[in-house]
Every structure is written in C-alpha cells, then in structure tokens.
C-alpha cells in the first residue's frame, strides 16, 4: 500500500520522521514529501509536489494554515484515504475529500500502525 507523508522532515524527534520509519518497518511503500531535502531511513525526502501514481494513503503532518496550497495536489493524486494526524485536522479539507469519495480519518498514523488498524 503506497503511502505519502506530507510534511516529512529529516529530524528524528519529529512525528513525520517517525511515521516514515515505522511505515517502512511495516513494509509499506512510503514517499516522504517536505519543503527541505534530506533523508529518512534511506528514503529521499522529495520537495515540491511530485506526481506519484497508485497512491493509497496520504498522511498529513502539516498544519491547517499550510494545507490550502496542497489541496489541488492531494486531489490530483487520487488517494483512497487521507489521514489527519493530531494537529492537522481540517473540516474543510475533510469535507472536500469526502465529496470526492476519499476516506478521511482523524487519527495518528503511528498509533494506527502499532495497533494493526492502518
């Protein structure tokens, strides 16, 4: 299941970093996207808004104030699911996603992975 982490940073103490590491540990294909280049557990952080095909899940780690610039990008990837991690909840984006038949979840990717409900 291909997962994109938007808001990835090369700082081990950040939750987006931990999510990429854990997704890889659970053998998910993960693509970290952030505003700065770097690496997480051998995966290059992509910058900008690169096209990725066959996206199943997008896991958000950017605050609501930075999300509008990603709306078109998120929908262009046609994901099946959008996870709003704690602090990223956005009722407007959630509503827009549901209108496009994208499942939305307000939960923590790390908790979901560790509890077997990802």
PDB file of N, CA and C in Angstrom:
ATOM      1  N   UNK A   1       0.846  -1.171   0.000  1.00  0.00           N
ATOM      2  CA  UNK A   1       0.000   0.000   0.000  1.00  0.00           C
ATOM      3  C   UNK A   1       0.895   1.239   0.000  1.00  0.00           C
ATOM      4  N   UNK A   2       0.817   2.034  -1.043  1.00  0.00           N
ATOM      5  CA  UNK A   2       1.673   3.212  -1.173  1.00  0.00           C
ATOM      6  C   UNK A   2       1.125   4.367  -0.344  1.00  0.00           C
ATOM      7  N   UNK A   3       1.993   4.910   0.502  1.00  0.00           N
ATOM      8  CA  UNK A   3       1.611   5.998   1.397  1.00  0.00           C
ATOM      9  C   UNK A   3       2.540   7.183   1.199  1.00  0.00           C
ATOM     10  N   UNK A   4       1.952   8.361   1.104  1.00  0.00           N
ATOM     11  CA  UNK A   4       2.717   9.595   1.034  1.00  0.00           C
ATOM     12  C   UNK A   4       2.607  10.286   2.393  1.00  0.00           C
ATOM     13  N   UNK A   5       3.733  10.733   2.902  1.00  0.00           N
ATOM     14  CA  UNK A   5       3.764  11.519   4.128  1.00  0.00           C
ATOM     15  C   UNK A   5       4.071  12.959   3.726  1.00  0.00           C
ATOM     16  N   UNK A   6       3.074  13.832   3.857  1.00  0.00           N
ATOM     17  CA  UNK A   6       3.272  15.244   3.526  1.00  0.00           C
ATOM     18  C   UNK A   6       3.633  15.983   4.810  1.00  0.00           C
ATOM     19  N   UNK A   7       4.781  16.641   4.767  1.00  0.00           N
ATOM     20  CA  UNK A   7       5.290  17.353   5.938  1.00  0.00           C
ATOM     21  C   UNK A   7       6.488  16.635   6.541  1.00  0.00           C
ATOM     22  N   UNK A   8       7.092  15.761   5.746  1.00  0.00           N
ATOM     23  CA  UNK A   8       8.249  14.992   6.224  1.00  0.00           C
ATOM     24  C   UNK A   8       9.447  15.913   6.450  1.00  0.00           C
ATOM     25  N   UNK A   9      10.148  15.672   7.544  1.00  0.00           N
ATOM     26  CA  UNK A   9      11.356  16.429   7.871  1.00  0.00           C
ATOM     27  C   UNK A   9      12.442  15.460   8.337  1.00  0.00           C
ATOM     28  N   UNK A  10      13.709  15.793   8.056  1.00  0.00           N
ATOM     29  CA  UNK A  10      14.812  14.890   8.437  1.00  0.00           C
ATOM     30  C   UNK A  10      15.260  15.066   9.888  1.00  0.00           C
ATOM     31  N   UNK A  11      14.304  15.155  10.785  1.00  0.00           N
ATOM     32  CA  UNK A  11      14.609  15.336  12.205  1.00  0.00           C
ATOM     33  C   UNK A  11      13.992  14.159  12.967  1.00  0.00           C
ATOM     34  N   UNK A  12      14.818  13.277  13.541  1.00  0.00           N
ATOM     35  CA  UNK A  12      14.313  12.064  14.194  1.00  0.00           C
ATOM     36  C   UNK A  12      13.310  12.296  15.314  1.00  0.00           C
ATOM     37  N   UNK A  13      13.306  13.483  15.914  1.00  0.00           N
ATOM     38  CA  UNK A  13      12.374  13.734  17.006  1.00  0.00           C
ATOM     39  C   UNK A  13      10.971  14.108  16.529  1.00  0.00           C
ATOM     40  N   UNK A  14      10.801  14.350  15.236  1.00  0.00           N
ATOM     41  CA  UNK A  14       9.502  14.760  14.689  1.00  0.00           C
ATOM     42  C   UNK A  14       8.642  13.551  14.337  1.00  0.00           C
ATOM     43  N   UNK A  15       7.335  13.703  14.497  1.00  0.00           N
ATOM     44  CA  UNK A  15       6.422  12.587  14.254  1.00  0.00           C
ATOM     45  C   UNK A  15       6.382  12.171  12.789  1.00  0.00           C
ATOM     46  N   UNK A  16       6.555  13.107  11.868  1.00  0.00           N
ATOM     47  CA  UNK A  16       6.555  12.736  10.449  1.00  0.00           C
ATOM     48  C   UNK A  16       7.739  11.820  10.141  1.00  0.00           C
ATOM     49  N   UNK A  17       8.870  12.089  10.745  1.00  0.00           N
ATOM     50  CA  UNK A  17      10.058  11.242  10.590  1.00  0.00           C
ATOM     51  C   UNK A  17       9.760   9.849  11.136  1.00  0.00           C
ATOM     52  N   UNK A  18       9.197   9.800  12.348  1.00  0.00           N
ATOM     53  CA  UNK A  18       8.878   8.519  12.980  1.00  0.00           C
ATOM     54  C   UNK A  18       7.861   7.732  12.153  1.00  0.00           C
ATOM     55  N   UNK A  19       6.922   8.438  11.533  1.00  0.00           N
ATOM     56  CA  UNK A  19       5.920   7.771  10.700  1.00  0.00           C
ATOM     57  C   UNK A  19       6.567   7.106   9.490  1.00  0.00           C
ATOM     58  N   UNK A  20       7.482   7.800   8.837  1.00  0.00           N
ATOM     59  CA  UNK A  20       8.166   7.221   7.675  1.00  0.00           C
ATOM     60  C   UNK A  20       8.936   5.964   8.091  1.00  0.00           C
ATOM     61  N   UNK A  21       9.658   6.066   9.190  1.00  0.00           N
ATOM     62  CA  UNK A  21      10.435   4.913   9.683  1.00  0.00           C
ATOM     63  C   UNK A  21       9.508   3.738   9.987  1.00  0.00           C
ATOM     64  N   UNK A  22       8.400   3.998  10.669  1.00  0.00           N
ATOM     65  CA  UNK A  22       7.501   2.912  11.053  1.00  0.00           C
ATOM     66  C   UNK A  22       6.768   2.329   9.848  1.00  0.00           C
ATOM     67  N   UNK A  23       6.372   3.168   8.915  1.00  0.00           N
ATOM     68  CA  UNK A  23       5.751   2.665   7.683  1.00  0.00           C
ATOM     69  C   UNK A  23       6.704   1.708   6.963  1.00  0.00           C
ATOM     70  N   UNK A  24       7.962   2.084   6.886  1.00  0.00           N
ATOM     71  CA  UNK A  24       8.955   1.218   6.249  1.00  0.00           C
ATOM     72  C   UNK A  24       9.131  -0.087   7.034  1.00  0.00           C
ATOM     73  N   UNK A  25       9.140   0.019   8.366  1.00  0.00           N
ATOM     74  CA  UNK A  25       9.295  -1.169   9.205  1.00  0.00           C
ATOM     75  C   UNK A  25       8.140  -2.153   8.966  1.00  0.00           C
ATOM     76  N   UNK A  26       6.941  -1.608   8.741  1.00  0.00           N
ATOM     77  CA  UNK A  26       5.779  -2.448   8.454  1.00  0.00           C
ATOM     78  C   UNK A  26       5.653  -2.768   6.962  1.00  0.00           C
ATOM     79  N   UNK A  27       6.712  -2.469   6.217  1.00  0.00           N
ATOM     80  CA  UNK A  27       6.863  -2.826   4.803  1.00  0.00           C
ATOM     81  C   UNK A  27       5.843  -2.157   3.878  1.00  0.00           C
ATOM     82  N   UNK A  28       5.475  -0.927   4.223  1.00  0.00           N
ATOM     83  CA  UNK A  28       4.650  -0.131   3.314  1.00  0.00           C
ATOM     84  C   UNK A  28       5.588   0.659   2.405  1.00  0.00           C
ATOM     85  N   UNK A  29       5.174   0.853   1.178  1.00  0.00           N
ATOM     86  CA  UNK A  29       5.924   1.739   0.296  1.00  0.00           C
ATOM     87  C   UNK A  29       5.592   3.162   0.725  1.00  0.00           C
ATOM     88  N   UNK A  30       6.602   3.925   1.090  1.00  0.00           N
ATOM     89  CA  UNK A  30       6.361   5.269   1.619  1.00  0.00           C
ATOM     90  C   UNK A  30       7.174   6.299   0.855  1.00  0.00           C
ATOM     91  N   UNK A  31       6.529   7.414   0.582  1.00  0.00           N
ATOM     92  CA  UNK A  31       7.182   8.508  -0.124  1.00  0.00           C
ATOM     93  C   UNK A  31       7.080   9.745   0.753  1.00  0.00           C
ATOM     94  N   UNK A  32       8.208  10.180   1.347  1.00  0.00           N
ATOM     95  CA  UNK A  32       8.179  11.384   2.166  1.00  0.00           C
ATOM     96  C   UNK A  32       8.279  12.639   1.304  1.00  0.00           C
ATOM     97  N   UNK A  33       7.400  13.593   1.571  1.00  0.00           N
ATOM     98  CA  UNK A  33       7.405  14.863   0.853  1.00  0.00           C
ATOM     99  C   UNK A  33       7.484  15.986   1.877  1.00  0.00           C
ATOM    100  N   UNK A  34       8.413  16.906   1.647  1.00  0.00           N
ATOM    101  CA  UNK A  34       8.593  18.017   2.569  1.00  0.00           C
ATOM    102  C   UNK A  34       9.081  19.254   1.843  1.00  0.00           C
ATOM    103  N   UNK A  35       9.387  20.288   2.596  1.00  0.00           N
ATOM    104  CA  UNK A  35       9.851  21.522   1.967  1.00  0.00           C
ATOM    105  C   UNK A  35      11.376  21.598   1.927  1.00  0.00           C
ATOM    106  N   UNK A  36      12.039  20.709   2.665  1.00  0.00           N
ATOM    107  CA  UNK A  36      13.510  20.674   2.652  1.00  0.00           C
ATOM    108  C   UNK A  36      13.993  19.286   2.287  1.00  0.00           C
ATOM    109  N   UNK A  37      15.065  19.251   1.520  1.00  0.00           N
ATOM    110  CA  UNK A  37      15.661  17.970   1.154  1.00  0.00           C
ATOM    111  C   UNK A  37      16.280  17.318   2.373  1.00  0.00           C
ATOM    112  N   UNK A  38      16.423  16.033   2.293  1.00  0.00           N
ATOM    113  CA  UNK A  38      17.025  15.257   3.358  1.00  0.00           C
ATOM    114  C   UNK A  38      16.676  13.796   3.160  1.00  0.00           C
ATOM    115  N   UNK A  39      16.990  12.994   4.153  1.00  0.00           N
ATOM    116  CA  UNK A  39      16.704  11.569   4.085  1.00  0.00           C
ATOM    117  C   UNK A  39      16.083  11.099   5.382  1.00  0.00           C
ATOM    118  N   UNK A  40      15.239  10.094   5.238  1.00  0.00           N
ATOM    119  CA  UNK A  40      14.669   9.417   6.397  1.00  0.00           C
ATOM    120  C   UNK A  40      14.804   7.924   6.142  1.00  0.00           C
ATOM    121  N   UNK A  41      15.623   7.283   6.946  1.00  0.00           N
ATOM    122  CA  UNK A  41      15.763   5.835   6.877  1.00  0.00           C
ATOM    123  C   UNK A  41      16.039   5.352   5.446  1.00  0.00           C
ATOM    124  N   UNK A  42      16.894   6.080   4.736  1.00  0.00           N
ATOM    125  CA  UNK A  42      17.266   5.688   3.380  1.00  0.00           C
ATOM    126  C   UNK A  42      16.351   6.206   2.283  1.00  0.00           C
ATOM    127  N   UNK A  43      15.255   6.840   2.636  1.00  0.00           N
ATOM    128  CA  UNK A  43      14.336   7.407   1.643  1.00  0.00           C
ATOM    129  C   UNK A  43      14.594   8.900   1.503  1.00  0.00           C
ATOM    130  N   UNK A  44      14.749   9.338   0.275  1.00  0.00           N
ATOM    131  CA  UNK A  44      14.961  10.754  -0.012  1.00  0.00           C
ATOM    132  C   UNK A  44      13.662  11.516   0.185  1.00  0.00           C
ATOM    133  N   UNK A  45      13.723  12.636   0.890  1.00  0.00           N
ATOM    134  CA  UNK A  45      12.553  13.500   1.023  1.00  0.00           C
ATOM    135  C   UNK A  45      12.411  14.280  -0.275  1.00  0.00           C
ATOM    136  N   UNK A  46      11.263  14.119  -0.927  1.00  0.00           N
ATOM    137  CA  UNK A  46      11.002  14.836  -2.167  1.00  0.00           C
ATOM    138  C   UNK A  46      10.440  16.209  -1.825  1.00  0.00           C
ATOM    139  N   UNK A  47      10.805  17.197  -2.614  1.00  0.00           N
ATOM    140  CA  UNK A  47      10.290  18.547  -2.410  1.00  0.00           C
ATOM    141  C   UNK A  47       9.344  18.900  -3.548  1.00  0.00           C
ATOM    142  N   UNK A  48       8.606  19.959  -3.350  1.00  0.00           N
ATOM    143  CA  UNK A  48       7.636  20.364  -4.364  1.00  0.00           C
ATOM    144  C   UNK A  48       6.401  19.491  -4.279  1.00  0.00           C
ATOM    145  N   UNK A  49       5.805  19.272  -5.425  1.00  0.00           N
ATOM    146  CA  UNK A  49       4.587  18.470  -5.495  1.00  0.00           C
ATOM    147  C   UNK A  49       4.736  17.440  -6.619  1.00  0.00           C
ATOM    148  N   UNK A  50       5.580  16.444  -6.399  1.00  0.00           N
ATOM    149  CA  UNK A  50       5.856  15.457  -7.451  1.00  0.00           C
ATOM    150  C   UNK A  50       4.661  14.550  -7.720  1.00  0.00           C
ATOM    151  N   UNK A  51       4.508  14.178  -8.973  1.00  0.00           N
ATOM    152  CA  UNK A  51       3.441  13.235  -9.311  1.00  0.00           C
ATOM    153  C   UNK A  51       3.827  11.848  -8.813  1.00  0.00           C
ATOM    154  N   UNK A  52       2.890  11.191  -8.191  1.00  0.00           N
ATOM    155  CA  UNK A  52       3.075   9.820  -7.722  1.00  0.00           C
ATOM    156  C   UNK A  52       1.828   9.057  -8.134  1.00  0.00           C
ATOM    157  N   UNK A  53       2.004   7.891  -8.737  1.00  0.00           N
ATOM    158  CA  UNK A  53       0.841   7.107  -9.153  1.00  0.00           C
ATOM    159  C   UNK A  53       0.485   6.063  -8.096  1.00  0.00           C
ATOM    160  N   UNK A  54      -0.723   5.557  -8.196  1.00  0.00           N
ATOM    161  CA  UNK A  54      -1.215   4.472  -7.334  1.00  0.00           C
ATOM    162  C   UNK A  54      -1.087   4.772  -5.844  1.00  0.00           C
ATOM    163  N   UNK A  55      -1.457   5.967  -5.437  1.00  0.00           N
ATOM    164  CA  UNK A  55      -1.384   6.355  -4.027  1.00  0.00           C
ATOM    165  C   UNK A  55      -2.607   5.803  -3.299  1.00  0.00           C
ATOM    166  N   UNK A  56      -2.370   5.096  -2.226  1.00  0.00           N
ATOM    167  CA  UNK A  56      -3.478   4.617  -1.407  1.00  0.00           C
ATOM    168  C   UNK A  56      -3.805   5.614  -0.288  1.00  0.00           C
ATOM    169  N   UNK A  57      -2.766   6.032   0.447  1.00  0.00           N
ATOM    170  CA  UNK A  57      -2.978   6.854   1.630  1.00  0.00           C
ATOM    171  C   UNK A  57      -2.069   8.073   1.618  1.00  0.00           C
ATOM    172  N   UNK A  58      -2.610   9.198   2.043  1.00  0.00           N
ATOM    173  CA  UNK A  58      -1.804  10.383   2.318  1.00  0.00           C
ATOM    174  C   UNK A  58      -1.937  10.660   3.803  1.00  0.00           C
ATOM    175  N   UNK A  59      -0.806  10.760   4.465  1.00  0.00           N
ATOM    176  CA  UNK A  59      -0.750  11.047   5.890  1.00  0.00           C
ATOM    177  C   UNK A  59      -0.231  12.475   6.060  1.00  0.00           C
ATOM    178  N   UNK A  60      -1.066  13.336   6.638  1.00  0.00           N
ATOM    179  CA  UNK A  60      -0.721  14.761   6.750  1.00  0.00           C
ATOM    180  C   UNK A  60       0.004  15.081   8.049  1.00  0.00           C
ATOM    181  N   UNK A  61       1.093  15.820   7.897  1.00  0.00           N
ATOM    182  CA  UNK A  61       1.852  16.352   9.034  1.00  0.00           C
ATOM    183  C   UNK A  61       2.126  17.834   8.840  1.00  0.00           C
ATOM    184  N   UNK A  62       1.195  18.530   8.205  1.00  0.00           N
ATOM    185  CA  UNK A  62       1.325  19.985   8.047  1.00  0.00           C
ATOM    186  C   UNK A  62       0.091  20.634   8.665  1.00  0.00           C
ATOM    187  N   UNK A  63       0.299  21.766   9.295  1.00  0.00           N
ATOM    188  CA  UNK A  63      -0.787  22.462   9.964  1.00  0.00           C
ATOM    189  C   UNK A  63      -1.840  22.967   8.999  1.00  0.00           C
ATOM    190  N   UNK A  64      -3.000  23.221   9.542  1.00  0.00           N
ATOM    191  CA  UNK A  64      -4.141  23.664   8.742  1.00  0.00           C
ATOM    192  C   UNK A  64      -3.821  24.923   7.934  1.00  0.00           C
ATOM    193  N   UNK A  65      -2.992  25.809   8.479  1.00  0.00           N
ATOM    194  CA  UNK A  65      -2.662  27.059   7.775  1.00  0.00           C
ATOM    195  C   UNK A  65      -1.836  26.810   6.517  1.00  0.00           C
ATOM    196  N   UNK A  66      -1.133  25.686   6.436  1.00  0.00           N
ATOM    197  CA  UNK A  66      -0.310  25.369   5.259  1.00  0.00           C
ATOM    198  C   UNK A  66      -0.981  24.392   4.302  1.00  0.00           C
ATOM    199  N   UNK A  67      -2.134  23.883   4.661  1.00  0.00           N
ATOM    200  CA  UNK A  67      -2.777  22.873   3.832  1.00  0.00           C
ATOM    201  C   UNK A  67      -3.407  23.381   2.538  1.00  0.00           C
ATOM    202  N   UNK A  68      -4.011  24.597   2.509  1.00  0.00           N
ATOM    203  CA  UNK A  68      -4.677  25.015   1.265  1.00  0.00           C
ATOM    204  C   UNK A  68      -3.801  24.931   0.021  1.00  0.00           C
ATOM    205  N   UNK A  69      -2.523  25.216   0.147  1.00  0.00           N
ATOM    206  CA  UNK A  69      -1.662  25.138  -1.045  1.00  0.00           C
ATOM    207  C   UNK A  69      -1.469  23.704  -1.527  1.00  0.00           C
ATOM    208  N   UNK A  70      -1.886  22.721  -0.732  1.00  0.00           N
ATOM    209  CA  UNK A  70      -1.756  21.312  -1.108  1.00  0.00           C
ATOM    210  C   UNK A  70      -3.082  20.692  -1.562  1.00  0.00           C
ATOM    211  N   UNK A  71      -4.187  21.400  -1.454  1.00  0.00           N
ATOM    212  CA  UNK A  71      -5.482  20.817  -1.803  1.00  0.00           C
ATOM    213  C   UNK A  71      -5.480  20.218  -3.212  1.00  0.00           C
ATOM    214  N   UNK A  72      -5.139  21.020  -4.205  1.00  0.00           N
ATOM    215  CA  UNK A  72      -5.154  20.531  -5.589  1.00  0.00           C
ATOM    216  C   UNK A  72      -4.186  19.366  -5.767  1.00  0.00           C
ATOM    217  N   UNK A  73      -3.042  19.464  -5.142  1.00  0.00           N
ATOM    218  CA  UNK A  73      -2.042  18.394  -5.240  1.00  0.00           C
ATOM    219  C   UNK A  73      -2.590  17.095  -4.655  1.00  0.00           C
ATOM    220  N   UNK A  74      -3.154  17.178  -3.465  1.00  0.00           N
ATOM    221  CA  UNK A  74      -3.711  15.979  -2.819  1.00  0.00           C
ATOM    222  C   UNK A  74      -4.746  15.329  -3.722  1.00  0.00           C
ATOM    223  N   UNK A  75      -5.661  16.113  -4.256  1.00  0.00           N
ATOM    224  CA  UNK A  75      -6.711  15.542  -5.093  1.00  0.00           C
ATOM    225  C   UNK A  75      -6.184  15.049  -6.433  1.00  0.00           C
ATOM    226  N   UNK A  76      -5.106  15.643  -6.933  1.00  0.00           N
ATOM    227  CA  UNK A  76      -4.527  15.178  -8.200  1.00  0.00           C
ATOM    228  C   UNK A  76      -3.939  13.776  -8.069  1.00  0.00           C
ATOM    229  N   UNK A  77      -3.588  13.383  -6.844  1.00  0.00           N
ATOM    230  CA  UNK A  77      -3.013  12.054  -6.609  1.00  0.00           C
ATOM    231  C   UNK A  77      -4.085  10.975  -6.457  1.00  0.00           C
ATOM    232  N   UNK A  78      -5.337  11.396  -6.335  1.00  0.00           N
ATOM    233  CA  UNK A  78      -6.469  10.482  -6.249  1.00  0.00           C
ATOM    234  C   UNK A  78      -6.277   9.393  -5.185  1.00  0.00           C
ATOM    235  N   UNK A  79      -5.992   9.800  -3.937  1.00  0.00           N
ATOM    236  CA  UNK A  79      -5.789   8.794  -2.896  1.00  0.00           C
ATOM    237  C   UNK A  79      -7.109   8.145  -2.486  1.00  0.00           C
ATOM    238  N   UNK A  80      -7.010   6.992  -1.885  1.00  0.00           N
ATOM    239  CA  UNK A  80      -8.191   6.315  -1.348  1.00  0.00           C
ATOM    240  C   UNK A  80      -8.495   6.815   0.067  1.00  0.00           C
ATOM    241  N   UNK A  81      -7.440   7.276   0.767  1.00  0.00           N
ATOM    242  CA  UNK A  81      -7.588   7.638   2.179  1.00  0.00           C
ATOM    243  C   UNK A  81      -6.684   8.817   2.524  1.00  0.00           C
ATOM    244  N   UNK A  82      -7.184   9.659   3.426  1.00  0.00           N
ATOM    245  CA  UNK A  82      -6.447  10.828   3.898  1.00  0.00           C
ATOM    246  C   UNK A  82      -6.465  10.799   5.423  1.00  0.00           C
ATOM    247  N   UNK A  83      -5.277  10.716   6.030  1.00  0.00           N
ATOM    248  CA  UNK A  83      -5.169  10.672   7.482  1.00  0.00           C
ATOM    249  C   UNK A  83      -4.743  12.043   7.996  1.00  0.00           C
ATOM    250  N   UNK A  84      -5.575  12.593   8.888  1.00  0.00           N
ATOM    251  CA  UNK A  84      -5.257  13.837   9.571  1.00  0.00           C
ATOM    252  C   UNK A  84      -4.649  13.462  10.915  1.00  0.00           C
ATOM    253  N   UNK A  85      -3.343  13.600  11.032  1.00  0.00           N
ATOM    254  CA  UNK A  85      -2.673  13.314  12.291  1.00  0.00           C
ATOM    255  C   UNK A  85      -2.999  14.422  13.289  1.00  0.00           C
ATOM    256  N   UNK A  86      -2.830  14.171  14.600  1.00  0.00           N
ATOM    257  CA  UNK A  86      -3.154  15.188  15.601  1.00  0.00           C
ATOM    258  C   UNK A  86      -2.510  16.544  15.274  1.00  0.00           C
ATOM    259  N   UNK A  87      -3.331  17.574  15.315  1.00  0.00           N
ATOM    260  CA  UNK A  87      -2.865  18.917  14.999  1.00  0.00           C
ATOM    261  C   UNK A  87      -3.047  19.316  13.546  1.00  0.00           C
ATOM    262  N   UNK A  88      -3.497  18.366  12.709  1.00  0.00           N
ATOM    263  CA  UNK A  88      -3.683  18.672  11.288  1.00  0.00           C
ATOM    264  C   UNK A  88      -5.151  18.618  10.871  1.00  0.00           C
ATOM    265  N   UNK A  89      -6.040  18.366  11.807  1.00  0.00           N
ATOM    266  CA  UNK A  89      -7.458  18.219  11.495  1.00  0.00           C
ATOM    267  C   UNK A  89      -7.974  19.462  10.775  1.00  0.00           C
ATOM    268  N   UNK A  90      -8.770  19.215   9.718  1.00  0.00           N
ATOM    269  CA  UNK A  90      -9.234  20.307   8.874  1.00  0.00           C
ATOM    270  C   UNK A  90     -10.606  19.920   8.317  1.00  0.00           C
ATOM    271  N   UNK A  91     -11.665  20.478   8.876  1.00  0.00           N
ATOM    272  CA  UNK A  91     -13.013  20.088   8.458  1.00  0.00           C
ATOM    273  C   UNK A  91     -13.291  20.440   6.996  1.00  0.00           C
ATOM    274  N   UNK A  92     -12.738  21.553   6.518  1.00  0.00           N
ATOM    275  CA  UNK A  92     -12.962  21.944   5.119  1.00  0.00           C
ATOM    276  C   UNK A  92     -12.326  20.925   4.169  1.00  0.00           C
ATOM    277  N   UNK A  93     -11.062  20.579   4.403  1.00  0.00           N
ATOM    278  CA  UNK A  93     -10.389  19.603   3.552  1.00  0.00           C
ATOM    279  C   UNK A  93     -11.049  18.235   3.680  1.00  0.00           C
ATOM    280  N   UNK A  94     -11.461  17.887   4.868  1.00  0.00           N
ATOM    281  CA  UNK A  94     -12.142  16.615   5.076  1.00  0.00           C
ATOM    282  C   UNK A  94     -13.438  16.563   4.273  1.00  0.00           C
ATOM    283  N   UNK A  95     -14.216  17.619   4.306  1.00  0.00           N
ATOM    284  CA  UNK A  95     -15.457  17.694   3.550  1.00  0.00           C
ATOM    285  C   UNK A  95     -15.182  17.573   2.046  1.00  0.00           C
ATOM    286  N   UNK A  96     -14.189  18.313   1.568  1.00  0.00           N
ATOM    287  CA  UNK A  96     -13.837  18.271   0.148  1.00  0.00           C
ATOM    288  C   UNK A  96     -13.423  16.856  -0.260  1.00  0.00           C
ATOM    289  N   UNK A  97     -12.650  16.191   0.598  1.00  0.00           N
ATOM    290  CA  UNK A  97     -12.192  14.832   0.299  1.00  0.00           C
ATOM    291  C   UNK A  97     -13.368  13.856   0.250  1.00  0.00           C
ATOM    292  N   UNK A  98     -14.262  13.976   1.212  1.00  0.00           N
ATOM    293  CA  UNK A  98     -15.427  13.079   1.238  1.00  0.00           C
ATOM    294  C   UNK A  98     -16.289  13.260  -0.001  1.00  0.00           C
ATOM    295  N   UNK A  99     -16.381  14.493  -0.491  1.00  0.00           N
ATOM    296  CA  UNK A  99     -17.130  14.737  -1.732  1.00  0.00           C
ATOM    297  C   UNK A  99     -16.510  14.003  -2.919  1.00  0.00           C
ATOM    298  N   UNK A 100     -15.229  13.742  -2.829  1.00  0.00           N
ATOM    299  CA  UNK A 100     -14.506  13.023  -3.891  1.00  0.00           C
ATOM    300  C   UNK A 100     -14.357  11.537  -3.552  1.00  0.00           C
ATOM    301  N   UNK A 101     -15.131  11.092  -2.571  1.00  0.00           N
ATOM    302  CA  UNK A 101     -15.150   9.680  -2.150  1.00  0.00           C
ATOM    303  C   UNK A 101     -13.808   9.201  -1.623  1.00  0.00           C
ATOM    304  N   UNK A 102     -13.116  10.098  -0.930  1.00  0.00           N
ATOM    305  CA  UNK A 102     -11.852   9.758  -0.269  1.00  0.00           C
ATOM    306  C   UNK A 102     -12.159   9.582   1.215  1.00  0.00           C
ATOM    307  N   UNK A 103     -11.777   8.442   1.756  1.00  0.00           N
ATOM    308  CA  UNK A 103     -11.974   8.196   3.176  1.00  0.00           C
ATOM    309  C   UNK A 103     -11.100   9.152   3.981  1.00  0.00           C
ATOM    310  N   UNK A 104     -11.646   9.749   5.012  1.00  0.00           N
ATOM    311  CA  UNK A 104     -10.863  10.632   5.871  1.00  0.00           C
ATOM    312  C   UNK A 104     -10.870  10.073   7.289  1.00  0.00           C
ATOM    313  N   UNK A 105      -9.719  10.165   7.933  1.00  0.00           N
ATOM    314  CA  UNK A 105      -9.547   9.640   9.285  1.00  0.00           C
ATOM    315  C   UNK A 105      -8.797  10.667  10.115  1.00  0.00           C
ATOM    316  N   UNK A 106      -9.339  10.984  11.285  1.00  0.00           N
ATOM    317  CA  UNK A 106      -8.622  11.805  12.262  1.00  0.00           C
ATOM    318  C   UNK A 106      -7.998  10.833  13.262  1.00  0.00           C
ATOM    319  N   UNK A 107      -6.729  10.561  13.080  1.00  0.00           N
ATOM    320  CA  UNK A 107      -6.047   9.594  13.934  1.00  0.00           C
ATOM    321  C   UNK A 107      -4.543   9.794  13.766  1.00  0.00           C
ATOM    322  N   UNK A 108      -3.790   9.037  14.525  1.00  0.00           N
ATOM    323  CA  UNK A 108      -2.332   9.105  14.464  1.00  0.00           C
ATOM    324  C   UNK A 108      -1.809   7.913  13.679  1.00  0.00           C
ATOM    325  N   UNK A 109      -1.063   8.179  12.638  1.00  0.00           N
ATOM    326  CA  UNK A 109      -0.505   7.109  11.819  1.00  0.00           C
ATOM    327  C   UNK A 109       0.310   6.137  12.662  1.00  0.00           C
ATOM    328  N   UNK A 110       1.092   6.654  13.600  1.00  0.00           N
ATOM    329  CA  UNK A 110       1.916   5.784  14.445  1.00  0.00           C
ATOM    330  C   UNK A 110       1.053   4.837  15.270  1.00  0.00           C
ATOM    331  N   UNK A 111       0.007   5.358  15.870  1.00  0.00           N
ATOM    332  CA  UNK A 111      -0.898   4.528  16.681  1.00  0.00           C
ATOM    333  C   UNK A 111      -1.602   3.509  15.795  1.00  0.00           C
ATOM    334  N   UNK A 112      -2.062   3.946  14.633  1.00  0.00           N
ATOM    335  CA  UNK A 112      -2.744   3.035  13.716  1.00  0.00           C
ATOM    336  C   UNK A 112      -1.842   1.873  13.316  1.00  0.00           C
ATOM    337  N   UNK A 113      -0.598   2.176  12.987  1.00  0.00           N
ATOM    338  CA  UNK A 113       0.348   1.117  12.604  1.00  0.00           C
ATOM    339  C   UNK A 113       0.601   0.159  13.756  1.00  0.00           C
ATOM    340  N   UNK A 114       0.876   0.705  14.930  1.00  0.00           N
ATOM    341  CA  UNK A 114       1.212  -0.144  16.072  1.00  0.00           C
ATOM    342  C   UNK A 114       0.033  -0.945  16.612  1.00  0.00           C
ATOM    343  N   UNK A 115      -1.191  -0.495  16.322  1.00  0.00           N
ATOM    344  CA  UNK A 115      -2.357  -1.238  16.804  1.00  0.00           C
ATOM    345  C   UNK A 115      -2.962  -2.133  15.720  1.00  0.00           C
ATOM    346  N   UNK A 116      -2.341  -2.150  14.534  1.00  0.00           N
ATOM    347  CA  UNK A 116      -2.783  -3.043  13.477  1.00  0.00           C
ATOM    348  C   UNK A 116      -4.017  -2.599  12.725  1.00  0.00           C
ATOM    349  N   UNK A 117      -4.372  -1.307  12.789  1.00  0.00           N
ATOM    350  CA  UNK A 117      -5.559  -0.829  12.076  1.00  0.00           C
ATOM    351  C   UNK A 117      -5.210   0.105  10.912  1.00  0.00           C
ATOM    352  N   UNK A 118      -3.949   0.131  10.523  1.00  0.00           N
ATOM    353  CA  UNK A 118      -3.547   1.016   9.431  1.00  0.00           C
ATOM    354  C   UNK A 118      -4.114   0.472   8.132  1.00  0.00           C
TER     355      UNK A 118
END
